[in-house]
């Protein structure tokens, strides 16, 4: 027995994060953006964040593929190699 009440449902970390952001938004708590690591990087959470009107920076795995403006799909690591060193700041 785990001691978890039967009425407590299961939710993934991205689902919990989305619910927390929605509850904060409903309570009038506003922020400009959200940051998260790759555990939270699913597309459903990113859509929910956009629906709430927040910007975001979410880490993704190196194998993650994105659609480019030209319509192609590339790994994020390949896209990063195109960014000139002078464009990065610490």
PDB file of N, CA and C in Angstrom:
ATOM      1  N   UNK A   1       0.842  -1.182   0.000  1.00  0.00           N
ATOM      2  CA  UNK A   1       0.000   0.000   0.000  1.00  0.00           C
ATOM      3  C   UNK A   1       0.885   1.242   0.000  1.00  0.00           C
ATOM      4  N   UNK A   2       0.586   2.160  -0.887  1.00  0.00           N
ATOM      5  CA  UNK A   2       1.408   3.365  -1.024  1.00  0.00           C
ATOM      6  C   UNK A   2       0.924   4.525  -0.176  1.00  0.00           C
ATOM      7  N   UNK A   3      -0.312   4.476   0.262  1.00  0.00           N
ATOM      8  CA  UNK A   3      -0.860   5.577   1.039  1.00  0.00           C
ATOM      9  C   UNK A   3      -1.405   6.710   0.180  1.00  0.00           C
ATOM     10  N   UNK A   4      -1.416   6.521  -1.149  1.00  0.00           N
ATOM     11  CA  UNK A   4      -1.952   7.534  -2.060  1.00  0.00           C
ATOM     12  C   UNK A   4      -3.462   7.306  -2.154  1.00  0.00           C
ATOM     13  N   UNK A   5      -4.260   8.342  -1.898  1.00  0.00           N
ATOM     14  CA  UNK A   5      -5.716   8.164  -1.974  1.00  0.00           C
ATOM     15  C   UNK A   5      -6.159   7.699  -3.361  1.00  0.00           C
ATOM     16  N   UNK A   6      -7.205   6.862  -3.416  1.00  0.00           N
ATOM     17  CA  UNK A   6      -7.708   6.330  -4.682  1.00  0.00           C
ATOM     18  C   UNK A   6      -8.150   7.424  -5.638  1.00  0.00           C
ATOM     19  N   UNK A   7      -8.651   8.550  -5.123  1.00  0.00           N
ATOM     20  CA  UNK A   7      -9.141   9.623  -5.994  1.00  0.00           C
ATOM     21  C   UNK A   7      -8.017  10.461  -6.599  1.00  0.00           C
ATOM     22  N   UNK A   8      -6.777  10.207  -6.195  1.00  0.00           N
ATOM     23  CA  UNK A   8      -5.637  10.921  -6.769  1.00  0.00           C
ATOM     24  C   UNK A   8      -5.269  10.275  -8.101  1.00  0.00           C
ATOM     25  N   UNK A   9      -5.371  11.058  -9.170  1.00  0.00           N
ATOM     26  CA  UNK A   9      -5.081  10.538 -10.500  1.00  0.00           C
ATOM     27  C   UNK A   9      -3.613  10.692 -10.862  1.00  0.00           C
ATOM     28  N   UNK A  10      -3.221   9.993 -11.901  1.00  0.00           N
ATOM     29  CA  UNK A  10      -1.855  10.079 -12.393  1.00  0.00           C
ATOM     30  C   UNK A  10      -1.739  11.228 -13.383  1.00  0.00           C
ATOM     31  N   UNK A  11      -0.629  11.937 -13.327  1.00  0.00           N
ATOM     32  CA  UNK A  11      -0.325  12.977 -14.316  1.00  0.00           C
ATOM     33  C   UNK A  11       1.182  12.982 -14.532  1.00  0.00           C
ATOM     34  N   UNK A  12       1.589  13.191 -15.772  1.00  0.00           N
ATOM     35  CA  UNK A  12       3.011  13.281 -16.085  1.00  0.00           C
ATOM     36  C   UNK A  12       3.550  14.633 -15.604  1.00  0.00           C
ATOM     37  N   UNK A  13       4.859  14.771 -15.556  1.00  0.00           N
ATOM     38  CA  UNK A  13       5.455  16.055 -15.167  1.00  0.00           C
ATOM     39  C   UNK A  13       5.012  17.191 -16.086  1.00  0.00           C
ATOM     40  N   UNK A  14       5.005  16.989 -17.418  1.00  0.00           N
ATOM     41  CA  UNK A  14       4.510  18.071 -18.275  1.00  0.00           C
ATOM     42  C   UNK A  14       3.046  18.428 -18.004  1.00  0.00           C
ATOM     43  N   UNK A  15       2.210  17.431 -17.711  1.00  0.00           N
ATOM     44  CA  UNK A  15       0.808  17.709 -17.394  1.00  0.00           C
ATOM     45  C   UNK A  15       0.703  18.507 -16.091  1.00  0.00           C
ATOM     46  N   UNK A  16       1.467  18.099 -15.079  1.00  0.00           N
ATOM     47  CA  UNK A  16       1.467  18.820 -13.807  1.00  0.00           C
ATOM     48  C   UNK A  16       1.936  20.262 -13.994  1.00  0.00           C
ATOM     49  N   UNK A  17       2.992  20.436 -14.776  1.00  0.00           N
ATOM     50  CA  UNK A  17       3.515  21.790 -15.027  1.00  0.00           C
ATOM     51  C   UNK A  17       2.461  22.643 -15.725  1.00  0.00           C
ATOM     52  N   UNK A  18       1.791  22.090 -16.734  1.00  0.00           N
ATOM     53  CA  UNK A  18       0.744  22.818 -17.444  1.00  0.00           C
ATOM     54  C   UNK A  18      -0.400  23.197 -16.527  1.00  0.00           C
ATOM     55  N   UNK A  19      -0.794  22.266 -15.649  1.00  0.00           N
ATOM     56  CA  UNK A  19      -1.868  22.546 -14.696  1.00  0.00           C
ATOM     57  C   UNK A  19      -1.465  23.646 -13.723  1.00  0.00           C
ATOM     58  N   UNK A  20      -0.216  23.603 -13.258  1.00  0.00           N
ATOM     59  CA  UNK A  20       0.268  24.630 -12.332  1.00  0.00           C
ATOM     60  C   UNK A  20       0.294  26.010 -13.002  1.00  0.00           C
ATOM     61  N   UNK A  21       0.759  26.060 -14.248  1.00  0.00           N
ATOM     62  CA  UNK A  21       0.788  27.328 -14.973  1.00  0.00           C
ATOM     63  C   UNK A  21      -0.620  27.859 -15.216  1.00  0.00           C
ATOM     64  N   UNK A  22      -1.550  26.971 -15.584  1.00  0.00           N
ATOM     65  CA  UNK A  22      -2.937  27.385 -15.818  1.00  0.00           C
ATOM     66  C   UNK A  22      -3.575  27.891 -14.530  1.00  0.00           C
ATOM     67  N   UNK A  23      -3.299  27.225 -13.410  1.00  0.00           N
ATOM     68  CA  UNK A  23      -3.860  27.657 -12.124  1.00  0.00           C
ATOM     69  C   UNK A  23      -3.297  29.017 -11.718  1.00  0.00           C
ATOM     70  N   UNK A  24      -2.005  29.224 -11.918  1.00  0.00           N
ATOM     71  CA  UNK A  24      -1.390  30.516 -11.600  1.00  0.00           C
ATOM     72  C   UNK A  24      -1.987  31.609 -12.490  1.00  0.00           C
ATOM     73  N   UNK A  25      -2.150  31.316 -13.763  1.00  0.00           N
ATOM     74  CA  UNK A  25      -2.732  32.272 -14.706  1.00  0.00           C
ATOM     75  C   UNK A  25      -4.155  32.625 -14.292  1.00  0.00           C
ATOM     76  N   UNK A  26      -4.945  31.609 -13.929  1.00  0.00           N
ATOM     77  CA  UNK A  26      -6.336  31.829 -13.503  1.00  0.00           C
ATOM     78  C   UNK A  26      -6.405  32.650 -12.219  1.00  0.00           C
ATOM     79  N   UNK A  27      -5.372  32.544 -11.383  1.00  0.00           N
ATOM     80  CA  UNK A  27      -5.326  33.294 -10.131  1.00  0.00           C
ATOM     81  C   UNK A  27      -4.806  34.717 -10.334  1.00  0.00           C
ATOM     82  N   UNK A  28      -4.502  35.073 -11.586  1.00  0.00           N
ATOM     83  CA  UNK A  28      -4.039  36.426 -11.872  1.00  0.00           C
ATOM     84  C   UNK A  28      -2.535  36.607 -11.772  1.00  0.00           C
ATOM     85  N   UNK A  29      -1.811  35.513 -11.571  1.00  0.00           N
ATOM     86  CA  UNK A  29      -0.349  35.589 -11.501  1.00  0.00           C
ATOM     87  C   UNK A  29       0.169  35.577 -12.932  1.00  0.00           C
ATOM     88  N   UNK A  30       0.869  36.623 -13.313  1.00  0.00           N
ATOM     89  CA  UNK A  30       1.351  36.739 -14.690  1.00  0.00           C
ATOM     90  C   UNK A  30       2.877  36.736 -14.720  1.00  0.00           C
ATOM     91  N   UNK A  31       3.404  36.094 -15.695  1.00  0.00           N
ATOM     92  CA  UNK A  31       4.839  36.116 -15.952  1.00  0.00           C
ATOM     93  C   UNK A  31       5.034  36.206 -17.456  1.00  0.00           C
ATOM     94  N   UNK A  32       6.200  36.678 -17.863  1.00  0.00           N
ATOM     95  CA  UNK A  32       6.452  36.867 -19.291  1.00  0.00           C
ATOM     96  C   UNK A  32       6.853  35.569 -19.971  1.00  0.00           C
ATOM     97  N   UNK A  33       7.551  34.684 -19.241  1.00  0.00           N
ATOM     98  CA  UNK A  33       8.060  33.477 -19.880  1.00  0.00           C
ATOM     99  C   UNK A  33       8.230  32.350 -18.884  1.00  0.00           C
ATOM    100  N   UNK A  34       8.438  31.162 -19.422  1.00  0.00           N
ATOM    101  CA  UNK A  34       8.601  29.927 -18.651  1.00  0.00           C
ATOM    102  C   UNK A  34       9.889  29.256 -19.118  1.00  0.00           C
ATOM    103  N   UNK A  35      10.648  28.714 -18.184  1.00  0.00           N
ATOM    104  CA  UNK A  35      11.854  27.953 -18.529  1.00  0.00           C
ATOM    105  C   UNK A  35      11.730  26.551 -17.934  1.00  0.00           C
ATOM    106  N   UNK A  36      12.197  25.546 -18.669  1.00  0.00           N
ATOM    107  CA  UNK A  36      12.108  24.171 -18.189  1.00  0.00           C
ATOM    108  C   UNK A  36      13.196  23.326 -18.839  1.00  0.00           C
ATOM    109  N   UNK A  37      13.494  22.184 -18.211  1.00  0.00           N
ATOM    110  CA  UNK A  37      14.484  21.285 -18.805  1.00  0.00           C
ATOM    111  C   UNK A  37      13.777  20.305 -19.746  1.00  0.00           C
ATOM    112  N   UNK A  38      14.535  19.406 -20.331  1.00  0.00           N
ATOM    113  CA  UNK A  38      13.993  18.557 -21.394  1.00  0.00           C
ATOM    114  C   UNK A  38      12.921  17.584 -20.927  1.00  0.00           C
ATOM    115  N   UNK A  39      12.835  17.294 -19.625  1.00  0.00           N
ATOM    116  CA  UNK A  39      11.774  16.421 -19.115  1.00  0.00           C
ATOM    117  C   UNK A  39      10.406  17.029 -19.430  1.00  0.00           C
ATOM    118  N   UNK A  40      10.348  18.368 -19.483  1.00  0.00           N
ATOM    119  CA  UNK A  40       9.091  19.074 -19.721  1.00  0.00           C
ATOM    120  C   UNK A  40       8.928  19.494 -21.179  1.00  0.00           C
ATOM    121  N   UNK A  41       9.811  19.043 -22.059  1.00  0.00           N
ATOM    122  CA  UNK A  41       9.875  19.580 -23.410  1.00  0.00           C
ATOM    123  C   UNK A  41       8.884  19.060 -24.429  1.00  0.00           C
ATOM    124  N   UNK A  42       7.832  18.414 -24.014  1.00  0.00           N
ATOM    125  CA  UNK A  42       6.873  17.887 -24.978  1.00  0.00           C
ATOM    126  C   UNK A  42       6.080  18.975 -25.684  1.00  0.00           C
ATOM    127  N   UNK A  43       5.580  18.627 -26.858  1.00  0.00           N
ATOM    128  CA  UNK A  43       4.843  19.618 -27.645  1.00  0.00           C
ATOM    129  C   UNK A  43       3.526  20.027 -26.986  1.00  0.00           C
ATOM    130  N   UNK A  44       2.892  19.135 -26.234  1.00  0.00           N
ATOM    131  CA  UNK A  44       1.625  19.478 -25.575  1.00  0.00           C
ATOM    132  C   UNK A  44       1.838  20.602 -24.556  1.00  0.00           C
ATOM    133  N   UNK A  45       2.914  20.533 -23.790  1.00  0.00           N
ATOM    134  CA  UNK A  45       3.179  21.598 -22.818  1.00  0.00           C
ATOM    135  C   UNK A  45       3.518  22.899 -23.532  1.00  0.00           C
ATOM    136  N   UNK A  46       4.304  22.822 -24.595  1.00  0.00           N
ATOM    137  CA  UNK A  46       4.636  24.051 -25.336  1.00  0.00           C
ATOM    138  C   UNK A  46       3.372  24.703 -25.889  1.00  0.00           C
ATOM    139  N   UNK A  47       2.439  23.911 -26.404  1.00  0.00           N
ATOM    140  CA  UNK A  47       1.162  24.467 -26.902  1.00  0.00           C
ATOM    141  C   UNK A  47       0.381  25.122 -25.768  1.00  0.00           C
ATOM    142  N   UNK A  48       0.352  24.460 -24.624  1.00  0.00           N
ATOM    143  CA  UNK A  48      -0.395  25.004 -23.483  1.00  0.00           C
ATOM    144  C   UNK A  48       0.219  26.324 -23.011  1.00  0.00           C
ATOM    145  N   UNK A  49       1.537  26.387 -22.976  1.00  0.00           N
ATOM    146  CA  UNK A  49       2.220  27.618 -22.579  1.00  0.00           C
ATOM    147  C   UNK A  49       1.862  28.746 -23.547  1.00  0.00           C
ATOM    148  N   UNK A  50       1.893  28.454 -24.835  1.00  0.00           N
ATOM    149  CA  UNK A  50       1.538  29.477 -25.839  1.00  0.00           C
ATOM    150  C   UNK A  50       0.087  29.918 -25.678  1.00  0.00           C
ATOM    151  N   UNK A  51      -0.814  28.973 -25.399  1.00  0.00           N
ATOM    152  CA  UNK A  51      -2.225  29.301 -25.196  1.00  0.00           C
ATOM    153  C   UNK A  51      -2.397  30.260 -24.023  1.00  0.00           C
ATOM    154  N   UNK A  52      -1.582  30.112 -22.998  1.00  0.00           N
ATOM    155  CA  UNK A  52      -1.647  30.999 -21.832  1.00  0.00           C
ATOM    156  C   UNK A  52      -0.993  32.356 -22.111  1.00  0.00           C
ATOM    157  N   UNK A  53      -0.320  32.463 -23.252  1.00  0.00           N
ATOM    158  CA  UNK A  53       0.280  33.736 -23.635  1.00  0.00           C
ATOM    159  C   UNK A  53       1.686  33.959 -23.121  1.00  0.00           C
ATOM    160  N   UNK A  54       2.349  32.896 -22.674  1.00  0.00           N
ATOM    161  CA  UNK A  54       3.711  33.021 -22.164  1.00  0.00           C
ATOM    162  C   UNK A  54       4.730  32.718 -23.261  1.00  0.00           C
ATOM    163  N   UNK A  55       5.887  33.331 -23.164  1.00  0.00           N
ATOM    164  CA  UNK A  55       7.031  32.909 -23.948  1.00  0.00           C
ATOM    165  C   UNK A  55       7.669  31.737 -23.215  1.00  0.00           C
ATOM    166  N   UNK A  56       8.614  31.070 -23.855  1.00  0.00           N
ATOM    167  CA  UNK A  56       9.243  29.949 -23.164  1.00  0.00           C
ATOM    168  C   UNK A  56      10.625  29.645 -23.715  1.00  0.00           C
ATOM    169  N   UNK A  57      11.419  29.029 -22.859  1.00  0.00           N
ATOM    170  CA  UNK A  57      12.717  28.459 -23.226  1.00  0.00           C
ATOM    171  C   UNK A  57      12.739  27.078 -22.588  1.00  0.00           C
ATOM    172  N   UNK A  58      12.645  26.050 -23.414  1.00  0.00           N
ATOM    173  CA  UNK A  58      12.610  24.686 -22.901  1.00  0.00           C
ATOM    174  C   UNK A  58      13.733  23.894 -23.549  1.00  0.00           C
ATOM    175  N   UNK A  59      14.568  23.296 -22.715  1.00  0.00           N
ATOM    176  CA  UNK A  59      15.649  22.459 -23.224  1.00  0.00           C
ATOM    177  C   UNK A  59      15.039  21.230 -23.902  1.00  0.00           C
ATOM    178  N   UNK A  60      15.697  20.767 -24.928  1.00  0.00           N
ATOM    179  CA  UNK A  60      15.258  19.566 -25.641  1.00  0.00           C
ATOM    180  C   UNK A  60      16.448  18.628 -25.782  1.00  0.00           C
ATOM    181  N   UNK A  61      16.204  17.336 -25.990  1.00  0.00           N
ATOM    182  CA  UNK A  61      17.308  16.412 -26.213  1.00  0.00           C
ATOM    183  C   UNK A  61      18.051  16.751 -27.511  1.00  0.00           C
ATOM    184  N   UNK A  62      19.303  16.391 -27.595  1.00  0.00           N
ATOM    185  CA  UNK A  62      20.107  16.668 -28.789  1.00  0.00           C
ATOM    186  C   UNK A  62      19.505  16.014 -30.031  1.00  0.00           C
ATOM    187  N   UNK A  63      18.727  14.968 -29.864  1.00  0.00           N
ATOM    188  CA  UNK A  63      18.119  14.270 -30.997  1.00  0.00           C
ATOM    189  C   UNK A  63      16.818  14.935 -31.465  1.00  0.00           C
ATOM    190  N   UNK A  64      16.364  15.954 -30.764  1.00  0.00           N
ATOM    191  CA  UNK A  64      15.098  16.623 -31.102  1.00  0.00           C
ATOM    192  C   UNK A  64      15.172  17.239 -32.494  1.00  0.00           C
ATOM    193  N   UNK A  65      14.125  17.069 -33.267  1.00  0.00           N
ATOM    194  CA  UNK A  65      14.066  17.621 -34.624  1.00  0.00           C
ATOM    195  C   UNK A  65      13.034  18.740 -34.648  1.00  0.00           C
ATOM    196  N   UNK A  66      13.346  19.795 -35.376  1.00  0.00           N
ATOM    197  CA  UNK A  66      12.433  20.923 -35.523  1.00  0.00           C
ATOM    198  C   UNK A  66      12.182  21.190 -37.000  1.00  0.00           C
ATOM    199  N   UNK A  67      11.038  21.782 -37.260  1.00  0.00           N
ATOM    200  CA  UNK A  67      10.705  22.171 -38.627  1.00  0.00           C
ATOM    201  C   UNK A  67      11.285  23.552 -38.886  1.00  0.00           C
ATOM    202  N   UNK A  68      12.047  23.671 -39.939  1.00  0.00           N
ATOM    203  CA  UNK A  68      12.686  24.941 -40.295  1.00  0.00           C
ATOM    204  C   UNK A  68      11.713  25.795 -41.119  1.00  0.00           C
ATOM    205  N   UNK A  69      11.990  27.099 -41.249  1.00  0.00           N
ATOM    206  CA  UNK A  69      11.112  27.948 -42.052  1.00  0.00           C
ATOM    207  C   UNK A  69      10.934  27.438 -43.487  1.00  0.00           C
ATOM    208  N   UNK A  70      11.919  26.716 -44.011  1.00  0.00           N
ATOM    209  CA  UNK A  70      11.816  26.167 -45.360  1.00  0.00           C
ATOM    210  C   UNK A  70      10.985  24.896 -45.442  1.00  0.00           C
ATOM    211  N   UNK A  71      10.508  24.412 -44.285  1.00  0.00           N
ATOM    212  CA  UNK A  71       9.663  23.224 -44.270  1.00  0.00           C
ATOM    213  C   UNK A  71      10.397  21.923 -44.013  1.00  0.00           C
ATOM    214  N   UNK A  72      11.727  21.973 -43.945  1.00  0.00           N
ATOM    215  CA  UNK A  72      12.489  20.756 -43.659  1.00  0.00           C
ATOM    216  C   UNK A  72      12.517  20.456 -42.171  1.00  0.00           C
ATOM    217  N   UNK A  73      12.982  19.264 -41.814  1.00  0.00           N
ATOM    218  CA  UNK A  73      13.141  18.883 -40.408  1.00  0.00           C
ATOM    219  C   UNK A  73      14.612  18.615 -40.155  1.00  0.00           C
ATOM    220  N   UNK A  74      15.139  19.254 -39.108  1.00  0.00           N
ATOM    221  CA  UNK A  74      16.551  19.067 -38.772  1.00  0.00           C
ATOM    222  C   UNK A  74      16.727  18.896 -37.278  1.00  0.00           C
ATOM    223  N   UNK A  75      17.805  18.177 -36.907  1.00  0.00           N
ATOM    224  CA  UNK A  75      18.151  18.056 -35.495  1.00  0.00           C
ATOM    225  C   UNK A  75      18.587  19.423 -34.976  1.00  0.00           C
ATOM    226  N   UNK A  76      18.282  19.681 -33.715  1.00  0.00           N
ATOM    227  CA  UNK A  76      18.673  20.969 -33.144  1.00  0.00           C
ATOM    228  C   UNK A  76      20.188  21.136 -33.135  1.00  0.00           C
ATOM    229  N   UNK A  77      20.926  20.039 -32.979  1.00  0.00           N
ATOM    230  CA  UNK A  77      22.384  20.141 -32.978  1.00  0.00           C
ATOM    231  C   UNK A  77      22.911  20.622 -34.325  1.00  0.00           C
ATOM    232  N   UNK A  78      22.263  20.205 -35.409  1.00  0.00           N
ATOM    233  CA  UNK A  78      22.679  20.647 -36.746  1.00  0.00           C
ATOM    234  C   UNK A  78      22.397  22.142 -36.914  1.00  0.00           C
ATOM    235  N   UNK A  79      21.273  22.595 -36.384  1.00  0.00           N
ATOM    236  CA  UNK A  79      20.936  24.022 -36.486  1.00  0.00           C
ATOM    237  C   UNK A  79      21.899  24.875 -35.663  1.00  0.00           C
ATOM    238  N   UNK A  80      22.282  24.367 -34.485  1.00  0.00           N
ATOM    239  CA  UNK A  80      23.216  25.114 -33.634  1.00  0.00           C
ATOM    240  C   UNK A  80      24.565  25.304 -34.315  1.00  0.00           C
ATOM    241  N   UNK A  81      24.975  24.345 -35.119  1.00  0.00           N
ATOM    242  CA  UNK A  81      26.257  24.456 -35.809  1.00  0.00           C
ATOM    243  C   UNK A  81      26.248  25.578 -36.829  1.00  0.00           C
ATOM    244  N   UNK A  82      25.080  26.017 -37.250  1.00  0.00           N
ATOM    245  CA  UNK A  82      24.973  27.118 -38.214  1.00  0.00           C
ATOM    246  C   UNK A  82      25.101  28.494 -37.566  1.00  0.00           C
ATOM    247  N   UNK A  83      24.928  28.553 -36.246  1.00  0.00           N
ATOM    248  CA  UNK A  83      24.982  29.845 -35.556  1.00  0.00           C
ATOM    249  C   UNK A  83      26.445  30.245 -35.384  1.00  0.00           C
ATOM    250  N   UNK A  84      26.820  31.423 -35.872  1.00  0.00           N
ATOM    251  CA  UNK A  84      28.220  31.842 -35.742  1.00  0.00           C
ATOM    252  C   UNK A  84      28.619  32.051 -34.283  1.00  0.00           C
ATOM    253  N   UNK A  85      29.858  31.748 -33.967  1.00  0.00           N
ATOM    254  CA  UNK A  85      30.368  31.880 -32.595  1.00  0.00           C
ATOM    255  C   UNK A  85      30.133  33.296 -32.064  1.00  0.00           C
ATOM    256  N   UNK A  86      30.282  34.305 -32.901  1.00  0.00           N
ATOM    257  CA  UNK A  86      30.108  35.688 -32.450  1.00  0.00           C
ATOM    258  C   UNK A  86      28.683  36.005 -32.021  1.00  0.00           C
ATOM    259  N   UNK A  87      27.724  35.121 -32.368  1.00  0.00           N
ATOM    260  CA  UNK A  87      26.327  35.354 -32.011  1.00  0.00           C
ATOM    261  C   UNK A  87      25.996  34.905 -30.588  1.00  0.00           C
ATOM    262  N   UNK A  88      26.902  34.173 -29.954  1.00  0.00           N
ATOM    263  CA  UNK A  88      26.667  33.660 -28.599  1.00  0.00           C
ATOM    264  C   UNK A  88      27.230  34.590 -27.548  1.00  0.00           C
ATOM    265  N   UNK A  89      26.508  34.728 -26.468  1.00  0.00           N
ATOM    266  CA  UNK A  89      26.972  35.539 -25.332  1.00  0.00           C
ATOM    267  C   UNK A  89      26.750  34.748 -24.049  1.00  0.00           C
ATOM    268  N   UNK A  90      27.614  34.968 -23.079  1.00  0.00           N
ATOM    269  CA  UNK A  90      27.413  34.384 -21.749  1.00  0.00           C
ATOM    270  C   UNK A  90      26.931  35.455 -20.832  1.00  0.00           C
TER     271      UNK A  90
END
